[in-house]
Every structure is written in C-alpha cells, then in structure tokens.
Amino acid sequence: MADVKKKTIAFIQNFFDIKFWKFIFVGILNTIVGTGLQFVLFNFTPLNAMAEKGTFIASSVSYCLASVMSYFLNKYFTFKNKEKGWKPVVRFAVNIAVCYTIAYGLAIPLTAWFCKTNEITLFGWGIDKTSANISMVIGSCLFVALNYIGQRFFAFKETKEVSQ
C-alpha cells in the first residue's frame, strides 16, 4: 500500500511540474487571443444569427489561429521539443482536432439542451445566444484539460535518449 502511495505522489509531482505551469502561462496568452477572437467573431459578426452553427464556426476559426501560436510556444518554450520534421506537427494537429471535437462536441449540444430545457438566459440575450456563449466557456475549459494531456504525452512526448 505504501508503494502505491509513493507512486501516486511521484506521478502527481511529475504531472504538475514546471512544464504544467509553463503550459498554463502559454494557455493564458492563447486564451486572450483565441477566446477573445472567438467571442468577437460570434458576437459582432453575422455568426450570432446562426446559433449553434455560428458557435462552431467562431470557435473553429479562432482555435485554428490560436493553435498555430500554441504550437510554437509549447514546442519550443513549454516542452522544449527538439524533434524535427512533420511528425510533431501532425501529432499536434491530431491532438488539437481530437480535443476540439470532444470538448465542443459535448459542450455545445449539452449546454444548448440544458439552457433550452431550463429556459436560461443571461444579459438580456435569448436562450440560443446564452447557450452559445456558455458553451464556448465550457468547451474551452474541457479543451484545455484534454489538450494538456494530449500535448504532454502525445504531441510533444519526451523520448528517452538511448545511450551508446
């Protein structure tokens, strides 16, 4: 039992190391750019008339642009990945696509259902605009959690150098 406790503590300490905090810092910058763009696109363009479809468009455009910034900051600053070529780019893109699909695939329909079922509105918005804005926040939170795990253990995973 003590061995399991030691392994658990070691895992937690390793998981929440300096890379985690650098990822959080990069995430804050990314959030300012990506989420700011997402809310501007949805609320100040004709996308807001499209409800759920507009949410997907606004979030996907902003995530694509913010992901380019995220790739470079996380590859070189957070994870200090030295791998060359297209493999890390492809792994990063796959990770982003999977995390985005899961996060927003859950957040948008569940939030829309919840807001419509309970007739929830905010700031004088209708139910559709309220649920769209709430789902962007929920989707963003889910995305960050999934993305950290994916980038750390898949896209920019550490490889053990084989000594010769």
N, C-alpha and C. Protein backbone atom coordinates (compact mmCIF):
# COMPACT_ATOMS: atom_id res chain seq x y z
N MET A 1 0.82 -1.20 0.00
CA MET A 1 0.00 0.00 0.00
C MET A 1 0.86 1.26 0.00
N ALA A 2 1.94 1.25 0.75
CA ALA A 2 2.84 2.41 0.81
C ALA A 2 3.49 2.65 -0.55
N ASP A 3 3.77 1.57 -1.29
CA ASP A 3 4.37 1.69 -2.62
C ASP A 3 3.42 2.38 -3.59
N VAL A 4 2.14 2.06 -3.51
CA VAL A 4 1.13 2.69 -4.36
C VAL A 4 1.03 4.18 -4.04
N LYS A 5 1.09 4.50 -2.76
CA LYS A 5 1.01 5.91 -2.33
C LYS A 5 2.22 6.68 -2.86
N LYS A 6 3.42 6.09 -2.77
CA LYS A 6 4.63 6.74 -3.27
C LYS A 6 4.55 6.95 -4.77
N LYS A 7 4.07 5.95 -5.49
CA LYS A 7 3.94 6.06 -6.95
C LYS A 7 2.91 7.13 -7.32
N THR A 8 1.83 7.19 -6.58
CA THR A 8 0.80 8.19 -6.83
C THR A 8 1.34 9.60 -6.60
N ILE A 9 2.05 9.79 -5.51
CA ILE A 9 2.64 11.09 -5.21
C ILE A 9 3.66 11.47 -6.27
N ALA A 10 4.50 10.51 -6.67
CA ALA A 10 5.50 10.78 -7.71
C ALA A 10 4.83 11.16 -9.03
N PHE A 11 3.75 10.47 -9.38
CA PHE A 11 3.02 10.78 -10.62
C PHE A 11 2.46 12.20 -10.56
N ILE A 12 1.84 12.55 -9.44
CA ILE A 12 1.25 13.88 -9.29
C ILE A 12 2.32 14.96 -9.37
N GLN A 13 3.45 14.74 -8.69
CA GLN A 13 4.54 15.71 -8.74
C GLN A 13 5.09 15.85 -10.15
N ASN A 14 5.22 14.75 -10.86
CA ASN A 14 5.72 14.78 -12.24
C ASN A 14 4.71 15.46 -13.18
N PHE A 15 3.43 15.18 -12.97
CA PHE A 15 2.38 15.73 -13.82
C PHE A 15 2.28 17.25 -13.67
N PHE A 16 2.40 17.73 -12.43
CA PHE A 16 2.27 19.16 -12.15
C PHE A 16 3.64 19.81 -11.95
N ASP A 17 4.57 19.51 -12.82
CA ASP A 17 5.92 20.08 -12.75
C ASP A 17 5.98 21.43 -13.47
N ILE A 18 7.18 21.92 -13.75
CA ILE A 18 7.36 23.22 -14.40
C ILE A 18 6.71 23.26 -15.79
N LYS A 19 6.66 22.13 -16.47
CA LYS A 19 6.01 22.10 -17.79
C LYS A 19 4.53 22.44 -17.67
N PHE A 20 3.91 21.94 -16.61
CA PHE A 20 2.50 22.24 -16.38
C PHE A 20 2.30 23.76 -16.24
N TRP A 21 3.14 24.40 -15.44
CA TRP A 21 2.98 25.83 -15.19
C TRP A 21 3.32 26.66 -16.43
N LYS A 22 4.29 26.20 -17.22
CA LYS A 22 4.57 26.88 -18.49
C LYS A 22 3.39 26.74 -19.44
N PHE A 23 2.78 25.55 -19.46
CA PHE A 23 1.61 25.31 -20.29
C PHE A 23 0.47 26.25 -19.87
N ILE A 24 0.30 26.44 -18.57
CA ILE A 24 -0.73 27.35 -18.06
C ILE A 24 -0.44 28.78 -18.54
N PHE A 25 0.82 29.21 -18.45
CA PHE A 25 1.20 30.55 -18.90
C PHE A 25 0.90 30.73 -20.39
N VAL A 26 1.34 29.76 -21.20
CA VAL A 26 1.07 29.82 -22.64
C VAL A 26 -0.44 29.80 -22.88
N GLY A 27 -1.14 29.01 -22.08
CA GLY A 27 -2.59 28.93 -22.20
C GLY A 27 -3.29 30.25 -21.92
N ILE A 28 -2.76 31.00 -20.97
CA ILE A 28 -3.34 32.31 -20.67
C ILE A 28 -3.18 33.23 -21.88
N LEU A 29 -1.99 33.24 -22.46
CA LEU A 29 -1.78 34.04 -23.68
C LEU A 29 -2.69 33.57 -24.80
N ASN A 30 -2.75 32.26 -24.96
CA ASN A 30 -3.59 31.67 -26.01
C ASN A 30 -5.06 31.99 -25.78
N THR A 31 -5.48 31.98 -24.53
CA THR A 31 -6.88 32.26 -24.20
C THR A 31 -7.23 33.70 -24.55
N ILE A 32 -6.33 34.60 -24.24
CA ILE A 32 -6.58 36.01 -24.57
C ILE A 32 -6.79 36.16 -26.08
N VAL A 33 -5.91 35.54 -26.86
CA VAL A 33 -6.01 35.64 -28.32
C VAL A 33 -7.19 34.83 -28.85
N GLY A 34 -7.22 33.54 -28.53
CA GLY A 34 -8.23 32.64 -29.10
C GLY A 34 -9.64 32.92 -28.65
N THR A 35 -9.84 33.01 -27.35
CA THR A 35 -11.20 33.22 -26.84
C THR A 35 -11.68 34.63 -27.17
N GLY A 36 -10.76 35.58 -27.10
CA GLY A 36 -11.14 36.94 -27.49
C GLY A 36 -11.64 36.98 -28.92
N LEU A 37 -10.89 36.36 -29.81
CA LEU A 37 -11.29 36.29 -31.22
C LEU A 37 -12.61 35.54 -31.38
N GLN A 38 -12.76 34.44 -30.65
CA GLN A 38 -13.97 33.62 -30.73
C GLN A 38 -15.21 34.44 -30.35
N PHE A 39 -15.15 35.15 -29.22
CA PHE A 39 -16.30 35.94 -28.79
C PHE A 39 -16.56 37.13 -29.72
N VAL A 40 -15.51 37.74 -30.23
CA VAL A 40 -15.69 38.84 -31.19
C VAL A 40 -16.35 38.32 -32.46
N LEU A 41 -15.84 37.20 -33.00
CA LEU A 41 -16.43 36.63 -34.21
C LEU A 41 -17.91 36.28 -34.01
N PHE A 42 -18.22 35.66 -32.87
CA PHE A 42 -19.60 35.24 -32.66
C PHE A 42 -20.53 36.41 -32.37
N ASN A 43 -20.09 37.34 -31.55
CA ASN A 43 -20.99 38.39 -31.08
C ASN A 43 -21.04 39.64 -31.95
N PHE A 44 -20.05 39.85 -32.82
CA PHE A 44 -20.01 41.08 -33.61
C PHE A 44 -19.97 40.83 -35.11
N THR A 45 -20.36 39.66 -35.52
CA THR A 45 -20.48 39.34 -36.95
C THR A 45 -21.81 38.64 -37.16
N PRO A 46 -22.18 38.37 -38.40
CA PRO A 46 -23.45 37.67 -38.65
C PRO A 46 -23.49 36.24 -38.10
N LEU A 47 -22.38 35.74 -37.56
CA LEU A 47 -22.38 34.38 -37.00
C LEU A 47 -23.36 34.25 -35.83
N ASN A 48 -23.63 35.34 -35.11
CA ASN A 48 -24.52 35.23 -33.95
C ASN A 48 -25.95 34.90 -34.35
N ALA A 49 -26.30 35.11 -35.60
CA ALA A 49 -27.65 34.77 -36.06
C ALA A 49 -27.78 33.28 -36.36
N MET A 50 -26.66 32.56 -36.34
CA MET A 50 -26.68 31.14 -36.69
C MET A 50 -26.69 30.23 -35.47
N ALA A 51 -26.78 30.76 -34.27
CA ALA A 51 -26.83 29.99 -33.02
C ALA A 51 -25.72 28.94 -32.95
N GLU A 52 -26.10 27.65 -32.85
CA GLU A 52 -25.11 26.58 -32.66
C GLU A 52 -24.10 26.49 -33.80
N LYS A 53 -24.56 26.66 -35.05
CA LYS A 53 -23.66 26.61 -36.19
C LYS A 53 -22.65 27.76 -36.13
N GLY A 54 -23.11 28.93 -35.75
CA GLY A 54 -22.23 30.09 -35.61
C GLY A 54 -21.19 29.88 -34.52
N THR A 55 -21.59 29.18 -33.46
CA THR A 55 -20.65 28.87 -32.38
C THR A 55 -19.54 27.98 -32.89
N PHE A 56 -19.89 26.95 -33.65
CA PHE A 56 -18.89 26.05 -34.22
C PHE A 56 -17.94 26.81 -35.15
N ILE A 57 -18.48 27.68 -35.98
CA ILE A 57 -17.64 28.43 -36.92
C ILE A 57 -16.71 29.37 -36.18
N ALA A 58 -17.24 30.16 -35.25
CA ALA A 58 -16.42 31.11 -34.50
C ALA A 58 -15.34 30.39 -33.70
N SER A 59 -15.71 29.30 -33.06
CA SER A 59 -14.73 28.59 -32.24
C SER A 59 -13.69 27.88 -33.10
N SER A 60 -14.09 27.32 -34.22
CA SER A 60 -13.11 26.61 -35.06
C SER A 60 -12.13 27.57 -35.72
N VAL A 61 -12.58 28.73 -36.18
CA VAL A 61 -11.67 29.72 -36.77
C VAL A 61 -10.67 30.21 -35.72
N SER A 62 -11.17 30.55 -34.54
CA SER A 62 -10.28 31.06 -33.50
C SER A 62 -9.31 29.99 -33.01
N TYR A 63 -9.78 28.76 -32.91
CA TYR A 63 -8.89 27.68 -32.47
C TYR A 63 -7.81 27.38 -33.51
N CYS A 64 -8.15 27.46 -34.77
CA CYS A 64 -7.12 27.25 -35.80
C CYS A 64 -6.01 28.29 -35.70
N LEU A 65 -6.38 29.55 -35.57
CA LEU A 65 -5.39 30.61 -35.48
C LEU A 65 -4.59 30.55 -34.18
N ALA A 66 -5.28 30.33 -33.08
CA ALA A 66 -4.59 30.25 -31.78
C ALA A 66 -3.72 28.99 -31.70
N SER A 67 -4.09 27.95 -32.40
CA SER A 67 -3.31 26.71 -32.37
C SER A 67 -1.95 26.88 -33.02
N VAL A 68 -1.86 27.72 -34.02
CA VAL A 68 -0.56 27.98 -34.65
C VAL A 68 0.37 28.63 -33.61
N MET A 69 -0.15 29.61 -32.90
CA MET A 69 0.63 30.26 -31.85
C MET A 69 0.99 29.24 -30.76
N SER A 70 0.03 28.44 -30.37
CA SER A 70 0.24 27.44 -29.33
C SER A 70 1.31 26.42 -29.72
N TYR A 71 1.30 26.00 -30.97
CA TYR A 71 2.29 25.02 -31.43
C TYR A 71 3.70 25.52 -31.15
N PHE A 72 3.99 26.71 -31.61
CA PHE A 72 5.34 27.24 -31.48
C PHE A 72 5.71 27.51 -30.02
N LEU A 73 4.82 28.10 -29.25
CA LEU A 73 5.12 28.38 -27.85
C LEU A 73 5.30 27.09 -27.04
N ASN A 74 4.42 26.12 -27.24
CA ASN A 74 4.54 24.88 -26.47
C ASN A 74 5.69 24.00 -26.94
N LYS A 75 5.93 23.96 -28.23
CA LYS A 75 7.03 23.13 -28.73
C LYS A 75 8.37 23.64 -28.22
N TYR A 76 8.60 24.93 -28.33
CA TYR A 76 9.92 25.47 -28.00
C TYR A 76 10.07 25.99 -26.57
N PHE A 77 8.99 26.50 -25.97
CA PHE A 77 9.08 27.07 -24.63
C PHE A 77 8.66 26.07 -23.55
N THR A 78 7.47 25.50 -23.68
CA THR A 78 6.93 24.64 -22.64
C THR A 78 7.63 23.29 -22.58
N PHE A 79 7.62 22.57 -23.70
CA PHE A 79 8.12 21.19 -23.70
C PHE A 79 9.53 21.06 -24.25
N LYS A 80 10.08 22.15 -24.79
CA LYS A 80 11.44 22.17 -25.34
C LYS A 80 11.70 20.94 -26.22
N ASN A 81 10.76 20.71 -27.11
CA ASN A 81 10.82 19.56 -28.02
C ASN A 81 11.76 19.89 -29.17
N LYS A 82 12.73 19.04 -29.39
CA LYS A 82 13.74 19.28 -30.43
C LYS A 82 13.51 18.43 -31.68
N GLU A 83 12.43 17.70 -31.70
CA GLU A 83 12.13 16.83 -32.83
C GLU A 83 11.91 17.67 -34.09
N LYS A 84 12.51 17.25 -35.19
CA LYS A 84 12.40 17.95 -36.47
C LYS A 84 11.39 17.22 -37.36
N GLY A 85 11.02 17.89 -38.42
CA GLY A 85 10.16 17.27 -39.42
C GLY A 85 8.68 17.49 -39.16
N TRP A 86 7.88 16.72 -39.88
CA TRP A 86 6.43 16.88 -39.85
C TRP A 86 5.74 16.06 -38.77
N LYS A 87 6.43 15.08 -38.19
CA LYS A 87 5.77 14.22 -37.19
C LYS A 87 5.19 15.00 -36.01
N PRO A 88 5.97 15.91 -35.39
CA PRO A 88 5.35 16.64 -34.27
C PRO A 88 4.22 17.57 -34.71
N VAL A 89 4.30 18.10 -35.91
CA VAL A 89 3.23 18.95 -36.43
C VAL A 89 1.95 18.13 -36.61
N VAL A 90 2.10 16.95 -37.18
CA VAL A 90 0.94 16.09 -37.41
C VAL A 90 0.34 15.63 -36.07
N ARG A 91 1.21 15.22 -35.14
CA ARG A 91 0.70 14.79 -33.82
C ARG A 91 -0.02 15.95 -33.12
N PHE A 92 0.55 17.15 -33.22
CA PHE A 92 -0.08 18.32 -32.61
C PHE A 92 -1.44 18.58 -33.26
N ALA A 93 -1.50 18.54 -34.58
CA ALA A 93 -2.77 18.79 -35.29
C ALA A 93 -3.82 17.74 -34.93
N VAL A 94 -3.41 16.48 -34.87
CA VAL A 94 -4.34 15.41 -34.49
C VAL A 94 -4.84 15.65 -33.07
N ASN A 95 -3.93 15.99 -32.17
CA ASN A 95 -4.31 16.26 -30.79
C ASN A 95 -5.32 17.40 -30.71
N ILE A 96 -5.05 18.49 -31.40
CA ILE A 96 -5.96 19.65 -31.37
C ILE A 96 -7.33 19.23 -31.92
N ALA A 97 -7.34 18.52 -33.03
CA ALA A 97 -8.62 18.11 -33.65
C ALA A 97 -9.42 17.20 -32.72
N VAL A 98 -8.76 16.25 -32.10
CA VAL A 98 -9.46 15.32 -31.20
C VAL A 98 -9.98 16.06 -29.97
N CYS A 99 -9.13 16.88 -29.37
CA CYS A 99 -9.54 17.63 -28.17
C CYS A 99 -10.69 18.58 -28.48
N TYR A 100 -10.59 19.27 -29.61
CA TYR A 100 -11.65 20.20 -30.02
C TYR A 100 -12.97 19.45 -30.25
N THR A 101 -12.90 18.35 -30.97
CA THR A 101 -14.10 17.58 -31.29
C THR A 101 -14.77 17.07 -30.02
N ILE A 102 -14.00 16.53 -29.11
CA ILE A 102 -14.57 16.03 -27.86
C ILE A 102 -15.14 17.18 -27.02
N ALA A 103 -14.33 18.23 -26.82
CA ALA A 103 -14.75 19.33 -25.95
C ALA A 103 -16.01 20.03 -26.45
N TYR A 104 -15.99 20.45 -27.70
CA TYR A 104 -17.14 21.19 -28.22
C TYR A 104 -18.26 20.26 -28.67
N GLY A 105 -17.92 19.03 -29.02
CA GLY A 105 -18.95 18.04 -29.34
C GLY A 105 -19.82 17.73 -28.13
N LEU A 106 -19.24 17.85 -26.95
CA LEU A 106 -20.01 17.68 -25.71
C LEU A 106 -20.62 19.01 -25.24
N ALA A 107 -19.82 20.06 -25.22
CA ALA A 107 -20.26 21.33 -24.62
C ALA A 107 -21.43 21.98 -25.36
N ILE A 108 -21.36 22.04 -26.67
CA ILE A 108 -22.40 22.77 -27.41
C ILE A 108 -23.77 22.10 -27.31
N PRO A 109 -23.91 20.83 -27.64
CA PRO A 109 -25.26 20.26 -27.56
C PRO A 109 -25.77 20.12 -26.12
N LEU A 110 -24.90 19.78 -25.17
CA LEU A 110 -25.36 19.64 -23.79
C LEU A 110 -25.76 20.98 -23.18
N THR A 111 -24.99 22.02 -23.47
CA THR A 111 -25.34 23.35 -22.95
C THR A 111 -26.62 23.85 -23.61
N ALA A 112 -26.75 23.64 -24.91
CA ALA A 112 -27.98 24.06 -25.61
C ALA A 112 -29.20 23.34 -25.01
N TRP A 113 -29.07 22.04 -24.80
CA TRP A 113 -30.16 21.28 -24.21
C TRP A 113 -30.50 21.80 -22.81
N PHE A 114 -29.47 22.01 -21.98
CA PHE A 114 -29.68 22.46 -20.61
C PHE A 114 -30.34 23.84 -20.58
N CYS A 115 -29.83 24.77 -21.39
CA CYS A 115 -30.39 26.12 -21.40
C CYS A 115 -31.82 26.14 -21.93
N LYS A 116 -32.08 25.35 -22.97
CA LYS A 116 -33.43 25.31 -23.53
C LYS A 116 -34.40 24.65 -22.56
N THR A 117 -33.98 23.55 -21.95
CA THR A 117 -34.84 22.83 -21.01
C THR A 117 -35.21 23.69 -19.81
N ASN A 118 -34.24 24.47 -19.34
CA ASN A 118 -34.44 25.28 -18.14
C ASN A 118 -34.69 26.76 -18.44
N GLU A 119 -34.83 27.10 -19.74
CA GLU A 119 -35.10 28.47 -20.18
C GLU A 119 -34.13 29.48 -19.56
N ILE A 120 -32.84 29.18 -19.65
CA ILE A 120 -31.80 30.03 -19.06
C ILE A 120 -31.38 31.10 -20.06
N THR A 121 -31.37 32.33 -19.58
CA THR A 121 -30.88 33.46 -20.38
C THR A 121 -29.98 34.33 -19.50
N LEU A 122 -29.09 35.06 -20.15
CA LEU A 122 -28.19 35.98 -19.45
C LEU A 122 -28.11 37.29 -20.22
N PHE A 123 -27.88 38.36 -19.52
CA PHE A 123 -27.59 39.67 -20.10
C PHE A 123 -28.63 40.13 -21.14
N GLY A 124 -29.85 39.66 -21.03
CA GLY A 124 -30.89 40.05 -21.97
C GLY A 124 -30.82 39.31 -23.30
N TRP A 125 -29.92 38.35 -23.41
CA TRP A 125 -29.81 37.54 -24.62
C TRP A 125 -30.95 36.52 -24.63
N GLY A 126 -31.25 36.01 -25.82
CA GLY A 126 -32.18 34.90 -25.93
C GLY A 126 -31.50 33.61 -25.49
N ILE A 127 -32.28 32.56 -25.44
CA ILE A 127 -31.75 31.26 -24.99
C ILE A 127 -30.63 30.78 -25.91
N ASP A 128 -30.78 30.91 -27.23
CA ASP A 128 -29.76 30.42 -28.16
C ASP A 128 -28.42 31.14 -27.98
N LYS A 129 -28.47 32.46 -27.85
CA LYS A 129 -27.22 33.22 -27.68
C LYS A 129 -26.61 32.95 -26.31
N THR A 130 -27.42 32.81 -25.30
CA THR A 130 -26.93 32.48 -23.96
C THR A 130 -26.23 31.13 -23.97
N SER A 131 -26.89 30.12 -24.54
CA SER A 131 -26.29 28.78 -24.54
C SER A 131 -25.03 28.75 -25.40
N ALA A 132 -25.01 29.51 -26.49
CA ALA A 132 -23.82 29.55 -27.34
C ALA A 132 -22.63 30.13 -26.58
N ASN A 133 -22.85 31.22 -25.86
CA ASN A 133 -21.75 31.84 -25.10
C ASN A 133 -21.31 30.97 -23.93
N ILE A 134 -22.24 30.37 -23.23
CA ILE A 134 -21.87 29.48 -22.12
C ILE A 134 -21.12 28.26 -22.65
N SER A 135 -21.58 27.71 -23.78
CA SER A 135 -20.91 26.52 -24.33
C SER A 135 -19.49 26.82 -24.78
N MET A 136 -19.22 28.07 -25.20
CA MET A 136 -17.86 28.42 -25.57
C MET A 136 -16.95 28.41 -24.35
N VAL A 137 -17.45 28.83 -23.20
CA VAL A 137 -16.67 28.80 -21.96
C VAL A 137 -16.45 27.36 -21.51
N ILE A 138 -17.51 26.57 -21.48
CA ILE A 138 -17.39 25.18 -21.05
C ILE A 138 -16.49 24.40 -22.01
N GLY A 139 -16.70 24.58 -23.31
CA GLY A 139 -15.87 23.90 -24.31
C GLY A 139 -14.41 24.27 -24.16
N SER A 140 -14.14 25.52 -23.87
CA SER A 140 -12.78 26.00 -23.68
C SER A 140 -12.13 25.30 -22.48
N CYS A 141 -12.84 25.18 -21.39
CA CYS A 141 -12.30 24.51 -20.20
C CYS A 141 -12.01 23.04 -20.47
N LEU A 142 -12.94 22.36 -21.10
CA LEU A 142 -12.71 20.95 -21.45
C LEU A 142 -11.52 20.81 -22.39
N PHE A 143 -11.45 21.70 -23.35
CA PHE A 143 -10.37 21.66 -24.33
C PHE A 143 -9.00 21.80 -23.66
N VAL A 144 -8.88 22.74 -22.73
CA VAL A 144 -7.59 22.97 -22.06
C VAL A 144 -7.14 21.72 -21.32
N ALA A 145 -8.03 21.11 -20.58
CA ALA A 145 -7.67 19.91 -19.81
C ALA A 145 -7.23 18.77 -20.75
N LEU A 146 -8.02 18.51 -21.76
CA LEU A 146 -7.68 17.44 -22.71
C LEU A 146 -6.40 17.77 -23.49
N ASN A 147 -6.24 19.03 -23.86
CA ASN A 147 -5.10 19.46 -24.66
C ASN A 147 -3.78 19.31 -23.91
N TYR A 148 -3.76 19.64 -22.63
CA TYR A 148 -2.53 19.49 -21.85
C TYR A 148 -2.08 18.02 -21.86
N ILE A 149 -3.00 17.15 -21.59
CA ILE A 149 -2.68 15.72 -21.56
C ILE A 149 -2.20 15.27 -22.94
N GLY A 150 -2.88 15.68 -23.98
CA GLY A 150 -2.51 15.30 -25.34
C GLY A 150 -1.17 15.85 -25.79
N GLN A 151 -0.90 17.11 -25.47
CA GLN A 151 0.38 17.69 -25.87
C GLN A 151 1.54 17.08 -25.09
N ARG A 152 1.34 16.91 -23.80
CA ARG A 152 2.43 16.41 -22.96
C ARG A 152 2.76 14.95 -23.26
N PHE A 153 1.75 14.12 -23.44
CA PHE A 153 2.00 12.69 -23.56
C PHE A 153 1.86 12.15 -24.99
N PHE A 154 1.50 13.00 -25.93
CA PHE A 154 1.37 12.54 -27.32
C PHE A 154 2.11 13.46 -28.29
N ALA A 155 1.69 14.70 -28.40
CA ALA A 155 2.26 15.60 -29.41
C ALA A 155 3.74 15.90 -29.16
N PHE A 156 4.09 16.22 -27.92
CA PHE A 156 5.47 16.58 -27.59
C PHE A 156 6.04 15.65 -26.53
N LYS A 157 5.67 14.41 -26.58
CA LYS A 157 6.11 13.46 -25.55
C LYS A 157 7.63 13.39 -25.52
N GLU A 158 8.12 13.22 -24.30
CA GLU A 158 9.57 13.09 -24.14
C GLU A 158 10.00 11.70 -24.60
N THR A 159 11.11 11.67 -25.27
CA THR A 159 11.66 10.37 -25.67
C THR A 159 12.96 10.17 -24.92
N LYS A 160 13.16 8.96 -24.46
CA LYS A 160 14.39 8.64 -23.76
C LYS A 160 15.49 8.46 -24.79
N GLU A 161 16.57 9.19 -24.58
CA GLU A 161 17.71 9.04 -25.49
C GLU A 161 18.45 7.76 -25.14
N VAL A 162 18.73 6.97 -26.15
CA VAL A 162 19.41 5.71 -25.95
C VAL A 162 20.91 6.00 -25.89
N SER A 163 21.54 5.59 -24.78
CA SER A 163 22.99 5.82 -24.67
C SER A 163 23.72 4.73 -25.42
N GLN A 164 24.80 5.14 -26.07
CA GLN A 164 25.54 4.20 -26.91
C GLN A 164 26.82 3.77 -26.29
